Amino acid sequence: MYEPTTALGYFRMLVSDADSIPLLEAAASIALDAYPTLDLQASLAAFDRLAGQLADDCRHVSTETARLQRAIDFFFVAQGFGGNVRAYHDPDNSYLHRVIETRRGIPITLAVLFVELARHVGLDAQGIAFPGHFLLRVNLHEGIVVIDPFTGESLDGNEIERRAAPHGADAGALLQPAAPHQILIRMLNNLRVMHAREGREDLHEKVLERMRIVQAAVSG
């Protein structure tokens, strides 16, 4: 007899191989804890439509630098994505389907979306688990471009050094790409803190279980 896969079972399947996690789908599926009736495939289809629009926009753009600028303009200007300044600690900022719907999020969710879009147009984009404020990087032939996904601003060396100084670490070391499992753990940890603050023990426990699932996949 067929038994439908639970939300946690589905997540466990997605992250079972730590070396090949489909980050967008795994990250989007986290929202099933708070939105159990979410049509996840419809949310992923909405993202695919954005990716298709960007691909059309970049169809005749040949250089990496120009494609990156098109991607930045598309995401932060034309589509209006940006940081949720008014309600930074709203858990919806950590649910990708809500970020797509509202165009508002926190650095890590905005970065996940931008990185995936950039890869659709042939750019080598990666998330950076920078302490306190998630960043993203795009590796061009000319060098690395570091972007604050909350604002869309490109950060120069001086600004990166300024942000790194309070953490007592070399800026270069803090700009290393984050693996998909590291990004998922950070997203889940953000939600863990928010749910604890709001007294949502049900959601808090589900997040902890997802963290255990990712950690088991990595250690296994």
N, C-alpha and C. Protein backbone atom coordinates (compact mmCIF):
# COMPACT_ATOMS: atom_id res chain seq x y z
N MET A 1 0.84 -1.20 0.00
CA MET A 1 0.00 0.00 0.00
C MET A 1 0.88 1.25 0.00
N TYR A 2 0.56 2.20 -0.88
CA TYR A 2 1.36 3.42 -1.00
C TYR A 2 1.11 4.35 0.19
N GLU A 3 2.18 4.85 0.76
CA GLU A 3 2.08 5.83 1.83
C GLU A 3 2.82 7.09 1.40
N PRO A 4 2.15 8.24 1.45
CA PRO A 4 2.81 9.48 1.00
C PRO A 4 4.01 9.80 1.87
N THR A 5 5.02 10.38 1.24
CA THR A 5 6.23 10.78 1.95
C THR A 5 5.93 11.98 2.84
N THR A 6 6.40 11.94 4.07
CA THR A 6 6.22 13.08 4.97
C THR A 6 7.17 14.20 4.55
N ALA A 7 6.91 15.40 5.07
CA ALA A 7 7.77 16.54 4.77
C ALA A 7 9.21 16.26 5.19
N LEU A 8 9.38 15.67 6.38
CA LEU A 8 10.74 15.36 6.85
C LEU A 8 11.36 14.23 6.05
N GLY A 9 10.55 13.26 5.65
CA GLY A 9 11.06 12.18 4.83
C GLY A 9 11.54 12.68 3.47
N TYR A 10 10.79 13.61 2.91
CA TYR A 10 11.17 14.22 1.63
C TYR A 10 12.48 15.00 1.77
N PHE A 11 12.58 15.75 2.86
CA PHE A 11 13.80 16.51 3.12
C PHE A 11 14.99 15.57 3.30
N ARG A 12 14.78 14.47 4.03
CA ARG A 12 15.86 13.50 4.25
C ARG A 12 16.34 12.94 2.92
N MET A 13 15.43 12.70 2.00
CA MET A 13 15.80 12.19 0.68
C MET A 13 16.63 13.22 -0.09
N LEU A 14 16.23 14.50 -0.02
CA LEU A 14 16.92 15.56 -0.75
C LEU A 14 18.35 15.75 -0.28
N VAL A 15 18.58 15.58 1.01
CA VAL A 15 19.92 15.87 1.56
C VAL A 15 20.72 14.60 1.82
N SER A 16 20.23 13.46 1.37
CA SER A 16 20.87 12.19 1.71
C SER A 16 22.32 12.10 1.22
N ASP A 17 22.60 12.74 0.09
CA ASP A 17 23.96 12.78 -0.42
C ASP A 17 24.47 14.20 -0.26
N ALA A 18 25.30 14.43 0.74
CA ALA A 18 25.75 15.78 1.06
C ALA A 18 26.53 16.43 -0.07
N ASP A 19 27.04 15.63 -1.00
CA ASP A 19 27.84 16.17 -2.10
C ASP A 19 26.99 16.60 -3.30
N SER A 20 25.72 16.28 -3.29
CA SER A 20 24.88 16.63 -4.44
C SER A 20 23.49 17.07 -3.99
N ILE A 21 23.43 17.92 -3.00
CA ILE A 21 22.15 18.42 -2.50
C ILE A 21 21.57 19.42 -3.50
N PRO A 22 20.31 19.23 -3.94
CA PRO A 22 19.65 20.24 -4.76
C PRO A 22 19.22 21.40 -3.86
N LEU A 23 20.09 22.39 -3.73
CA LEU A 23 19.92 23.40 -2.68
C LEU A 23 18.59 24.13 -2.77
N LEU A 24 18.21 24.58 -3.95
CA LEU A 24 16.98 25.36 -4.07
C LEU A 24 15.78 24.56 -3.58
N GLU A 25 15.66 23.32 -4.03
CA GLU A 25 14.53 22.49 -3.64
C GLU A 25 14.56 22.17 -2.15
N ALA A 26 15.74 21.83 -1.64
CA ALA A 26 15.85 21.51 -0.21
C ALA A 26 15.53 22.72 0.65
N ALA A 27 16.05 23.88 0.24
CA ALA A 27 15.79 25.10 1.01
C ALA A 27 14.32 25.48 0.96
N ALA A 28 13.72 25.35 -0.22
CA ALA A 28 12.30 25.70 -0.36
C ALA A 28 11.41 24.76 0.45
N SER A 29 11.83 23.50 0.58
CA SER A 29 11.00 22.52 1.28
C SER A 29 10.93 22.77 2.78
N ILE A 30 11.83 23.57 3.32
CA ILE A 30 11.80 23.89 4.75
C ILE A 30 10.47 24.53 5.13
N ALA A 31 9.88 25.26 4.21
CA ALA A 31 8.63 25.97 4.49
C ALA A 31 7.46 25.03 4.76
N LEU A 32 7.59 23.76 4.41
CA LEU A 32 6.49 22.81 4.64
C LEU A 32 6.19 22.64 6.13
N ASP A 33 7.14 22.99 6.99
CA ASP A 33 6.87 22.94 8.43
C ASP A 33 5.78 23.92 8.82
N ALA A 34 5.90 25.15 8.33
CA ALA A 34 4.93 26.19 8.68
C ALA A 34 3.77 26.27 7.71
N TYR A 35 3.98 25.77 6.48
CA TYR A 35 2.95 25.81 5.43
C TYR A 35 2.76 24.39 4.89
N PRO A 36 2.11 23.52 5.67
CA PRO A 36 2.02 22.11 5.28
C PRO A 36 1.26 21.86 3.98
N THR A 37 0.42 22.80 3.54
CA THR A 37 -0.32 22.62 2.29
C THR A 37 0.38 23.31 1.12
N LEU A 38 1.58 23.79 1.34
CA LEU A 38 2.32 24.47 0.28
C LEU A 38 2.50 23.56 -0.94
N ASP A 39 2.22 24.11 -2.11
CA ASP A 39 2.49 23.42 -3.37
C ASP A 39 3.93 23.74 -3.74
N LEU A 40 4.83 22.88 -3.32
CA LEU A 40 6.25 23.15 -3.50
C LEU A 40 6.62 23.21 -4.98
N GLN A 41 6.04 22.34 -5.77
CA GLN A 41 6.37 22.33 -7.19
C GLN A 41 5.90 23.61 -7.87
N ALA A 42 4.80 24.17 -7.42
CA ALA A 42 4.34 25.45 -7.98
C ALA A 42 5.31 26.56 -7.62
N SER A 43 5.86 26.51 -6.42
CA SER A 43 6.84 27.52 -6.00
C SER A 43 8.11 27.41 -6.83
N LEU A 44 8.55 26.18 -7.07
CA LEU A 44 9.75 25.98 -7.88
C LEU A 44 9.48 26.40 -9.33
N ALA A 45 8.25 26.20 -9.79
CA ALA A 45 7.89 26.64 -11.15
C ALA A 45 7.92 28.16 -11.25
N ALA A 46 7.52 28.85 -10.17
CA ALA A 46 7.58 30.31 -10.16
C ALA A 46 9.02 30.78 -10.27
N PHE A 47 9.91 30.09 -9.59
CA PHE A 47 11.33 30.42 -9.72
C PHE A 47 11.81 30.16 -11.13
N ASP A 48 11.40 29.04 -11.71
CA ASP A 48 11.82 28.72 -13.07
C ASP A 48 11.38 29.78 -14.06
N ARG A 49 10.22 30.37 -13.83
CA ARG A 49 9.77 31.45 -14.72
C ARG A 49 10.68 32.66 -14.62
N LEU A 50 11.12 32.97 -13.39
CA LEU A 50 12.08 34.07 -13.21
C LEU A 50 13.38 33.75 -13.94
N ALA A 51 13.85 32.52 -13.78
CA ALA A 51 15.09 32.11 -14.43
C ALA A 51 14.97 32.21 -15.95
N GLY A 52 13.80 31.84 -16.47
CA GLY A 52 13.58 31.93 -17.90
C GLY A 52 13.58 33.37 -18.40
N GLN A 53 13.00 34.26 -17.60
CA GLN A 53 13.00 35.67 -17.97
C GLN A 53 14.42 36.23 -18.00
N LEU A 54 15.22 35.87 -16.99
CA LEU A 54 16.59 36.35 -16.97
C LEU A 54 17.39 35.77 -18.13
N ALA A 55 17.17 34.50 -18.44
CA ALA A 55 17.88 33.88 -19.55
C ALA A 55 17.54 34.60 -20.86
N ASP A 56 16.27 34.95 -21.05
CA ASP A 56 15.88 35.70 -22.25
C ASP A 56 16.58 37.05 -22.28
N ASP A 57 16.67 37.68 -21.11
CA ASP A 57 17.29 39.00 -21.02
C ASP A 57 18.78 38.95 -21.35
N CYS A 58 19.40 37.81 -21.08
CA CYS A 58 20.84 37.67 -21.28
C CYS A 58 21.19 36.94 -22.58
N ARG A 59 20.20 36.67 -23.40
CA ARG A 59 20.41 35.82 -24.57
C ARG A 59 21.52 36.33 -25.48
N HIS A 60 21.59 37.65 -25.66
CA HIS A 60 22.57 38.21 -26.59
C HIS A 60 23.70 38.94 -25.86
N VAL A 61 23.87 38.62 -24.57
CA VAL A 61 24.93 39.24 -23.78
C VAL A 61 26.09 38.24 -23.69
N SER A 62 27.23 38.61 -24.22
CA SER A 62 28.31 37.64 -24.36
C SER A 62 29.30 37.62 -23.20
N THR A 63 29.55 38.74 -22.55
CA THR A 63 30.59 38.77 -21.52
C THR A 63 30.03 38.46 -20.14
N GLU A 64 30.87 37.88 -19.29
CA GLU A 64 30.46 37.57 -17.92
C GLU A 64 30.07 38.82 -17.16
N THR A 65 30.86 39.86 -17.29
CA THR A 65 30.61 41.09 -16.55
C THR A 65 29.25 41.68 -16.91
N ALA A 66 28.94 41.67 -18.20
CA ALA A 66 27.65 42.21 -18.64
C ALA A 66 26.49 41.34 -18.16
N ARG A 67 26.69 40.02 -18.18
CA ARG A 67 25.63 39.13 -17.69
C ARG A 67 25.40 39.32 -16.20
N LEU A 68 26.49 39.51 -15.45
CA LEU A 68 26.33 39.76 -14.02
C LEU A 68 25.55 41.05 -13.78
N GLN A 69 25.87 42.09 -14.51
CA GLN A 69 25.15 43.35 -14.33
C GLN A 69 23.68 43.19 -14.70
N ARG A 70 23.40 42.43 -15.75
CA ARG A 70 22.00 42.17 -16.12
C ARG A 70 21.29 41.41 -15.00
N ALA A 71 21.99 40.42 -14.42
CA ALA A 71 21.39 39.64 -13.34
C ALA A 71 21.08 40.51 -12.13
N ILE A 72 22.02 41.39 -11.79
CA ILE A 72 21.81 42.30 -10.65
C ILE A 72 20.63 43.23 -10.92
N ASP A 73 20.60 43.81 -12.11
CA ASP A 73 19.51 44.72 -12.46
C ASP A 73 18.17 44.00 -12.47
N PHE A 74 18.17 42.78 -13.00
CA PHE A 74 16.93 41.99 -13.08
C PHE A 74 16.40 41.69 -11.68
N PHE A 75 17.28 41.18 -10.82
CA PHE A 75 16.86 40.71 -9.50
C PHE A 75 16.48 41.85 -8.57
N PHE A 76 17.37 42.83 -8.45
CA PHE A 76 17.19 43.87 -7.44
C PHE A 76 16.39 45.08 -7.94
N VAL A 77 16.36 45.30 -9.24
CA VAL A 77 15.66 46.48 -9.77
C VAL A 77 14.36 46.07 -10.46
N ALA A 78 14.46 45.32 -11.55
CA ALA A 78 13.26 44.97 -12.31
C ALA A 78 12.29 44.12 -11.50
N GLN A 79 12.80 43.13 -10.77
CA GLN A 79 11.94 42.25 -9.98
C GLN A 79 11.74 42.75 -8.54
N GLY A 80 12.54 43.72 -8.12
CA GLY A 80 12.32 44.36 -6.82
C GLY A 80 12.67 43.55 -5.59
N PHE A 81 13.55 42.56 -5.73
CA PHE A 81 13.95 41.81 -4.54
C PHE A 81 14.86 42.66 -3.67
N GLY A 82 14.75 42.46 -2.35
CA GLY A 82 15.60 43.21 -1.44
C GLY A 82 15.36 42.78 0.00
N GLY A 83 16.14 43.35 0.88
CA GLY A 83 16.04 42.99 2.30
C GLY A 83 14.77 43.50 2.94
N ASN A 84 14.23 42.70 3.85
CA ASN A 84 13.04 43.10 4.59
C ASN A 84 13.47 43.92 5.80
N VAL A 85 13.61 45.21 5.57
CA VAL A 85 14.08 46.11 6.62
C VAL A 85 13.05 46.25 7.73
N ARG A 86 11.79 46.28 7.37
CA ARG A 86 10.72 46.54 8.35
C ARG A 86 10.44 45.35 9.25
N ALA A 87 10.64 44.15 8.75
CA ALA A 87 10.32 42.96 9.55
C ALA A 87 11.40 41.91 9.35
N TYR A 88 12.61 42.26 9.74
CA TYR A 88 13.77 41.40 9.49
C TYR A 88 13.62 40.03 10.14
N HIS A 89 13.01 39.97 11.32
CA HIS A 89 12.94 38.73 12.08
C HIS A 89 11.65 37.94 11.83
N ASP A 90 10.91 38.29 10.80
CA ASP A 90 9.72 37.54 10.42
C ASP A 90 10.17 36.20 9.83
N PRO A 91 9.67 35.07 10.35
CA PRO A 91 10.08 33.77 9.81
C PRO A 91 9.83 33.63 8.31
N ASP A 92 8.86 34.37 7.77
CA ASP A 92 8.59 34.28 6.34
C ASP A 92 9.80 34.65 5.50
N ASN A 93 10.70 35.43 6.06
CA ASN A 93 11.92 35.80 5.33
C ASN A 93 12.82 34.60 5.07
N SER A 94 12.58 33.51 5.81
CA SER A 94 13.39 32.31 5.65
C SER A 94 12.71 31.25 4.79
N TYR A 95 11.50 31.54 4.32
CA TYR A 95 10.77 30.59 3.47
C TYR A 95 10.81 31.09 2.03
N LEU A 96 11.45 30.32 1.17
CA LEU A 96 11.72 30.81 -0.18
C LEU A 96 10.46 31.14 -0.96
N HIS A 97 9.38 30.38 -0.78
CA HIS A 97 8.17 30.71 -1.54
C HIS A 97 7.62 32.06 -1.14
N ARG A 98 7.76 32.43 0.13
CA ARG A 98 7.29 33.74 0.58
C ARG A 98 8.22 34.84 0.09
N VAL A 99 9.51 34.55 0.03
CA VAL A 99 10.44 35.55 -0.50
C VAL A 99 10.14 35.82 -1.97
N ILE A 100 9.82 34.78 -2.71
CA ILE A 100 9.46 34.95 -4.12
C ILE A 100 8.16 35.75 -4.24
N GLU A 101 7.21 35.48 -3.36
CA GLU A 101 5.92 36.17 -3.43
C GLU A 101 6.02 37.63 -3.02
N THR A 102 6.74 37.90 -1.94
CA THR A 102 6.77 39.26 -1.38
C THR A 102 7.95 40.08 -1.89
N ARG A 103 8.94 39.40 -2.49
CA ARG A 103 10.18 40.05 -2.94
C ARG A 103 11.01 40.59 -1.77
N ARG A 104 10.76 40.09 -0.58
CA ARG A 104 11.50 40.51 0.61
C ARG A 104 12.04 39.30 1.34
N GLY A 105 13.28 39.45 1.84
CA GLY A 105 13.89 38.35 2.57
C GLY A 105 15.05 38.82 3.41
N ILE A 106 15.82 37.87 3.88
CA ILE A 106 17.05 38.16 4.62
C ILE A 106 18.22 37.77 3.72
N PRO A 107 19.45 38.14 4.08
CA PRO A 107 20.57 37.91 3.18
C PRO A 107 20.68 36.48 2.65
N ILE A 108 20.51 35.48 3.50
CA ILE A 108 20.77 34.12 3.05
C ILE A 108 19.73 33.64 2.04
N THR A 109 18.46 33.95 2.23
CA THR A 109 17.45 33.50 1.27
C THR A 109 17.55 34.26 -0.04
N LEU A 110 17.84 35.55 0.04
CA LEU A 110 18.05 36.33 -1.18
C LEU A 110 19.26 35.81 -1.94
N ALA A 111 20.30 35.43 -1.21
CA ALA A 111 21.51 34.90 -1.84
C ALA A 111 21.23 33.58 -2.53
N VAL A 112 20.48 32.70 -1.89
CA VAL A 112 20.16 31.41 -2.50
C VAL A 112 19.44 31.62 -3.83
N LEU A 113 18.48 32.51 -3.85
CA LEU A 113 17.74 32.77 -5.09
C LEU A 113 18.64 33.39 -6.15
N PHE A 114 19.44 34.38 -5.76
CA PHE A 114 20.29 35.04 -6.75
C PHE A 114 21.33 34.08 -7.32
N VAL A 115 21.94 33.30 -6.45
CA VAL A 115 22.95 32.35 -6.91
C VAL A 115 22.36 31.38 -7.93
N GLU A 116 21.17 30.86 -7.64
CA GLU A 116 20.55 29.92 -8.56
C GLU A 116 20.20 30.60 -9.89
N LEU A 117 19.72 31.84 -9.84
CA LEU A 117 19.42 32.58 -11.07
C LEU A 117 20.69 32.83 -11.87
N ALA A 118 21.75 33.24 -11.19
CA ALA A 118 23.00 33.54 -11.87
C ALA A 118 23.54 32.30 -12.58
N ARG A 119 23.40 31.16 -11.96
CA ARG A 119 23.90 29.93 -12.58
C ARG A 119 23.11 29.59 -13.84
N HIS A 120 21.86 30.02 -13.90
CA HIS A 120 21.05 29.77 -15.09
C HIS A 120 21.58 30.54 -16.30
N VAL A 121 22.36 31.58 -16.08
CA VAL A 121 22.91 32.34 -17.21
C VAL A 121 24.43 32.15 -17.27
N GLY A 122 24.90 31.02 -16.76
CA GLY A 122 26.28 30.64 -16.94
C GLY A 122 27.28 31.32 -16.04
N LEU A 123 26.83 31.92 -14.94
CA LEU A 123 27.75 32.58 -14.02
C LEU A 123 28.10 31.62 -12.87
N ASP A 124 29.33 31.67 -12.44
CA ASP A 124 29.80 30.84 -11.33
C ASP A 124 29.57 31.60 -10.03
N ALA A 125 28.38 31.44 -9.47
CA ALA A 125 27.98 32.16 -8.26
C ALA A 125 27.91 31.20 -7.09
N GLN A 126 28.25 31.71 -5.90
CA GLN A 126 28.28 30.88 -4.69
C GLN A 126 27.90 31.72 -3.47
N GLY A 127 27.34 31.06 -2.49
CA GLY A 127 27.05 31.73 -1.23
C GLY A 127 28.28 31.77 -0.35
N ILE A 128 28.33 32.78 0.52
CA ILE A 128 29.43 32.95 1.47
C ILE A 128 28.84 33.04 2.87
N ALA A 129 29.23 32.10 3.74
CA ALA A 129 28.71 32.10 5.11
C ALA A 129 29.47 33.12 5.96
N PHE A 130 29.48 34.36 5.53
CA PHE A 130 30.15 35.42 6.26
C PHE A 130 29.47 35.59 7.62
N PRO A 131 30.24 35.72 8.68
CA PRO A 131 29.62 35.81 10.01
C PRO A 131 28.70 37.02 10.15
N GLY A 132 27.51 36.76 10.64
CA GLY A 132 26.56 37.83 10.93
C GLY A 132 25.75 38.32 9.75
N HIS A 133 26.23 38.13 8.53
CA HIS A 133 25.53 38.67 7.37
C HIS A 133 25.96 37.88 6.14
N PHE A 134 25.10 37.01 5.66
CA PHE A 134 25.42 36.15 4.53
C PHE A 134 25.69 36.99 3.28
N LEU A 135 26.72 36.62 2.53
CA LEU A 135 27.09 37.32 1.31
C LEU A 135 27.09 36.34 0.14
N LEU A 136 27.35 36.85 -1.05
CA LEU A 136 27.51 35.96 -2.19
C LEU A 136 28.67 36.45 -3.04
N ARG A 137 29.22 35.52 -3.80
CA ARG A 137 30.35 35.85 -4.65
C ARG A 137 30.09 35.31 -6.05
N VAL A 138 30.62 36.04 -7.03
CA VAL A 138 30.55 35.58 -8.41
C VAL A 138 31.99 35.55 -8.93
N ASN A 139 32.41 34.40 -9.40
CA ASN A 139 33.78 34.22 -9.87
C ASN A 139 33.85 34.51 -11.36
N LEU A 140 34.44 35.64 -11.71
CA LEU A 140 34.60 36.04 -13.10
C LEU A 140 36.04 35.81 -13.53
N HIS A 141 36.26 35.81 -14.82
CA HIS A 141 37.64 35.68 -15.32
C HIS A 141 38.51 36.83 -14.80
N GLU A 142 37.88 37.99 -14.62
CA GLU A 142 38.62 39.17 -14.16
C GLU A 142 38.87 39.17 -12.67
N GLY A 143 38.19 38.31 -11.94
CA GLY A 143 38.34 38.27 -10.49
C GLY A 143 37.03 37.97 -9.81
N ILE A 144 37.02 38.09 -8.49
CA ILE A 144 35.83 37.78 -7.69
C ILE A 144 35.05 39.06 -7.39
N VAL A 145 33.74 38.99 -7.60
CA VAL A 145 32.85 40.08 -7.21
C VAL A 145 32.07 39.61 -5.99
N VAL A 146 32.11 40.38 -4.91
CA VAL A 146 31.38 40.06 -3.69
C VAL A 146 30.19 40.99 -3.59
N ILE A 147 29.01 40.43 -3.36
CA ILE A 147 27.76 41.19 -3.36
C ILE A 147 27.03 40.99 -2.04
N ASP A 148 26.48 42.07 -1.52
CA ASP A 148 25.59 42.00 -0.37
C ASP A 148 24.19 41.72 -0.90
N PRO A 149 23.64 40.53 -0.68
CA PRO A 149 22.33 40.20 -1.26
C PRO A 149 21.18 40.96 -0.63
N PHE A 150 21.41 41.61 0.49
CA PHE A 150 20.36 42.38 1.14
C PHE A 150 20.08 43.67 0.38
N THR A 151 21.12 44.20 -0.28
CA THR A 151 21.00 45.48 -0.97
C THR A 151 21.33 45.41 -2.46
N GLY A 152 22.04 44.37 -2.86
CA GLY A 152 22.50 44.29 -4.24
C GLY A 152 23.80 45.04 -4.48
N GLU A 153 24.39 45.56 -3.42
CA GLU A 153 25.61 46.36 -3.52
C GLU A 153 26.83 45.46 -3.69
N SER A 154 27.73 45.83 -4.62
CA SER A 154 29.01 45.16 -4.75
C SER A 154 29.97 45.75 -3.72
N LEU A 155 30.69 44.89 -3.02
CA LEU A 155 31.55 45.32 -1.93
C LEU A 155 33.01 45.34 -2.37
N ASP A 156 33.68 46.47 -2.11
CA ASP A 156 35.10 46.54 -2.45
C ASP A 156 35.94 45.98 -1.30
N GLY A 157 37.23 45.91 -1.51
CA GLY A 157 38.12 45.32 -0.51
C GLY A 157 38.08 46.01 0.82
N ASN A 158 37.99 47.33 0.82
CA ASN A 158 37.96 48.08 2.08
C ASN A 158 36.71 47.76 2.88
N GLU A 159 35.57 47.66 2.19
CA GLU A 159 34.33 47.36 2.90
C GLU A 159 34.34 45.94 3.46
N ILE A 160 34.90 45.02 2.70
CA ILE A 160 34.99 43.64 3.19
C ILE A 160 35.89 43.57 4.42
N GLU A 161 37.01 44.28 4.38
CA GLU A 161 37.92 44.31 5.53
C GLU A 161 37.21 44.93 6.74
N ARG A 162 36.44 45.97 6.50
CA ARG A 162 35.72 46.62 7.61
C ARG A 162 34.74 45.65 8.26
N ARG A 163 34.04 44.87 7.44
CA ARG A 163 33.06 43.92 7.97
C ARG A 163 33.75 42.74 8.65
N ALA A 164 34.95 42.40 8.18
CA ALA A 164 35.66 41.26 8.75
C ALA A 164 36.32 41.59 10.08
N ALA A 165 36.69 42.87 10.27
CA ALA A 165 37.47 43.28 11.44
C ALA A 165 36.87 42.85 12.77
N PRO A 166 35.55 43.03 13.02
CA PRO A 166 35.01 42.65 14.32
C PRO A 166 35.11 41.17 14.63
N HIS A 167 35.33 40.36 13.61
CA HIS A 167 35.36 38.91 13.81
C HIS A 167 36.78 38.38 13.98
N GLY A 168 37.77 39.28 13.90
CA GLY A 168 39.14 38.90 14.15
C GLY A 168 39.68 37.85 13.21
N ALA A 169 39.22 37.87 11.97
CA ALA A 169 39.67 36.88 11.01
C ALA A 169 40.08 37.55 9.72
N ASP A 170 40.93 36.85 8.97
CA ASP A 170 41.34 37.37 7.67
C ASP A 170 40.15 37.41 6.72
N ALA A 171 39.99 38.51 6.03
CA ALA A 171 38.84 38.67 5.14
C ALA A 171 38.80 37.57 4.08
N GLY A 172 39.96 37.21 3.56
CA GLY A 172 40.00 36.17 2.53
C GLY A 172 39.45 34.85 3.02
N ALA A 173 39.76 34.51 4.26
CA ALA A 173 39.28 33.26 4.84
C ALA A 173 37.77 33.26 5.00
N LEU A 174 37.20 34.45 5.23
CA LEU A 174 35.76 34.56 5.43
C LEU A 174 34.97 34.57 4.13
N LEU A 175 35.67 34.64 3.00
CA LEU A 175 35.00 34.69 1.70
C LEU A 175 34.96 33.34 1.00
N GLN A 176 35.29 32.28 1.72
CA GLN A 176 35.25 30.96 1.11
C GLN A 176 33.80 30.52 0.84
N PRO A 177 33.57 29.83 -0.26
CA PRO A 177 32.19 29.40 -0.59
C PRO A 177 31.62 28.47 0.47
N ALA A 178 30.33 28.60 0.69
CA ALA A 178 29.64 27.72 1.63
C ALA A 178 29.05 26.54 0.87
N ALA A 179 29.18 25.35 1.42
CA ALA A 179 28.59 24.15 0.83
C ALA A 179 27.08 24.17 1.06
N PRO A 180 26.31 23.47 0.21
CA PRO A 180 24.86 23.45 0.39
C PRO A 180 24.41 23.06 1.80
N HIS A 181 25.06 22.05 2.39
CA HIS A 181 24.64 21.63 3.72
C HIS A 181 24.90 22.73 4.76
N GLN A 182 25.96 23.50 4.56
CA GLN A 182 26.25 24.62 5.48
C GLN A 182 25.19 25.71 5.35
N ILE A 183 24.74 25.95 4.14
CA ILE A 183 23.70 26.96 3.92
C ILE A 183 22.40 26.51 4.57
N LEU A 184 22.05 25.24 4.40
CA LEU A 184 20.82 24.73 5.00
C LEU A 184 20.87 24.82 6.53
N ILE A 185 22.00 24.44 7.11
CA ILE A 185 22.14 24.52 8.56
C ILE A 185 21.98 25.96 9.03
N ARG A 186 22.55 26.90 8.31
CA ARG A 186 22.44 28.30 8.72
C ARG A 186 21.00 28.80 8.59
N MET A 187 20.31 28.42 7.51
CA MET A 187 18.91 28.79 7.37
C MET A 187 18.08 28.22 8.52
N LEU A 188 18.32 26.96 8.82
CA LEU A 188 17.56 26.31 9.89
C LEU A 188 17.89 26.90 11.25
N ASN A 189 19.13 27.26 11.46
CA ASN A 189 19.50 27.86 12.74
C ASN A 189 18.81 29.22 12.91
N ASN A 190 18.70 29.98 11.82
CA ASN A 190 17.96 31.24 11.89
C ASN A 190 16.53 31.00 12.35
N LEU A 191 15.90 29.99 11.75
CA LEU A 191 14.52 29.67 12.11
C LEU A 191 14.43 29.15 13.54
N ARG A 192 15.42 28.38 13.95
CA ARG A 192 15.43 27.87 15.33
C ARG A 192 15.37 29.03 16.32
N VAL A 193 16.17 30.05 16.08
CA VAL A 193 16.19 31.22 16.97
C VAL A 193 14.85 31.95 16.93
N MET A 194 14.30 32.13 15.73
CA MET A 194 13.02 32.85 15.61
C MET A 194 11.89 32.09 16.30
N HIS A 195 11.81 30.78 16.08
CA HIS A 195 10.73 30.00 16.68
C HIS A 195 10.87 29.96 18.21
N ALA A 196 12.10 29.90 18.71
CA ALA A 196 12.31 29.92 20.16
C ALA A 196 11.85 31.25 20.73
N ARG A 197 12.16 32.33 20.02
CA ARG A 197 11.77 33.66 20.48
C ARG A 197 10.25 33.80 20.52
N GLU A 198 9.58 33.20 19.55
CA GLU A 198 8.13 33.32 19.48
C GLU A 198 7.39 32.25 20.27
N GLY A 199 8.14 31.33 20.88
CA GLY A 199 7.51 30.27 21.66
C GLY A 199 6.80 29.23 20.83
N ARG A 200 7.22 29.06 19.58
CA ARG A 200 6.61 28.06 18.70
C ARG A 200 7.35 26.74 18.85
N GLU A 201 7.02 26.01 19.91
CA GLU A 201 7.74 24.77 20.20
C GLU A 201 7.55 23.72 19.11
N ASP A 202 6.36 23.71 18.47
CA ASP A 202 6.11 22.74 17.41
C ASP A 202 7.06 22.95 16.24
N LEU A 203 7.17 24.19 15.80
CA LEU A 203 8.06 24.50 14.68
C LEU A 203 9.53 24.40 15.09
N HIS A 204 9.81 24.75 16.32
CA HIS A 204 11.18 24.68 16.83
C HIS A 204 11.69 23.24 16.77
N GLU A 205 10.86 22.29 17.18
CA GLU A 205 11.27 20.89 17.18
C GLU A 205 11.46 20.37 15.75
N LYS A 206 10.61 20.82 14.83
CA LYS A 206 10.74 20.38 13.44
C LYS A 206 12.05 20.89 12.83
N VAL A 207 12.40 22.11 13.17
CA VAL A 207 13.66 22.68 12.68
C VAL A 207 14.84 21.90 13.24
N LEU A 208 14.79 21.59 14.53
CA LEU A 208 15.87 20.81 15.14
C LEU A 208 16.01 19.45 14.47
N GLU A 209 14.88 18.83 14.12
CA GLU A 209 14.94 17.54 13.45
C GLU A 209 15.56 17.67 12.07
N ARG A 210 15.23 18.74 11.36
CA ARG A 210 15.85 18.97 10.05
C ARG A 210 17.36 19.18 10.19
N MET A 211 17.77 19.89 11.21
CA MET A 211 19.20 20.08 11.44
C MET A 211 19.88 18.74 11.72
N ARG A 212 19.23 17.90 12.47
CA ARG A 212 19.81 16.57 12.76
C ARG A 212 19.91 15.74 11.47
N ILE A 213 18.93 15.88 10.60
CA ILE A 213 18.94 15.14 9.34
C ILE A 213 20.11 15.57 8.47
N VAL A 214 20.35 16.88 8.37
CA VAL A 214 21.46 17.38 7.56
C VAL A 214 22.78 16.94 8.17
N GLN A 215 22.91 17.08 9.48
CA GLN A 215 24.17 16.71 10.13
C GLN A 215 24.46 15.22 9.99
N ALA A 216 23.41 14.40 10.03
CA ALA A 216 23.60 12.95 9.86
C ALA A 216 24.06 12.63 8.45
N ALA A 217 23.52 13.35 7.47
CA ALA A 217 23.91 13.12 6.07
C ALA A 217 25.38 13.49 5.86
N VAL A 218 25.81 14.55 6.50
CA VAL A 218 27.20 15.01 6.35
C VAL A 218 28.16 14.04 7.04
N SER A 219 27.81 13.62 8.24
CA SER A 219 28.69 12.74 9.01
C SER A 219 28.67 11.30 8.49
N GLY A 220 27.58 10.95 7.80
CA GLY A 220 27.46 9.59 7.30
C GLY A 220 28.25 9.35 6.05
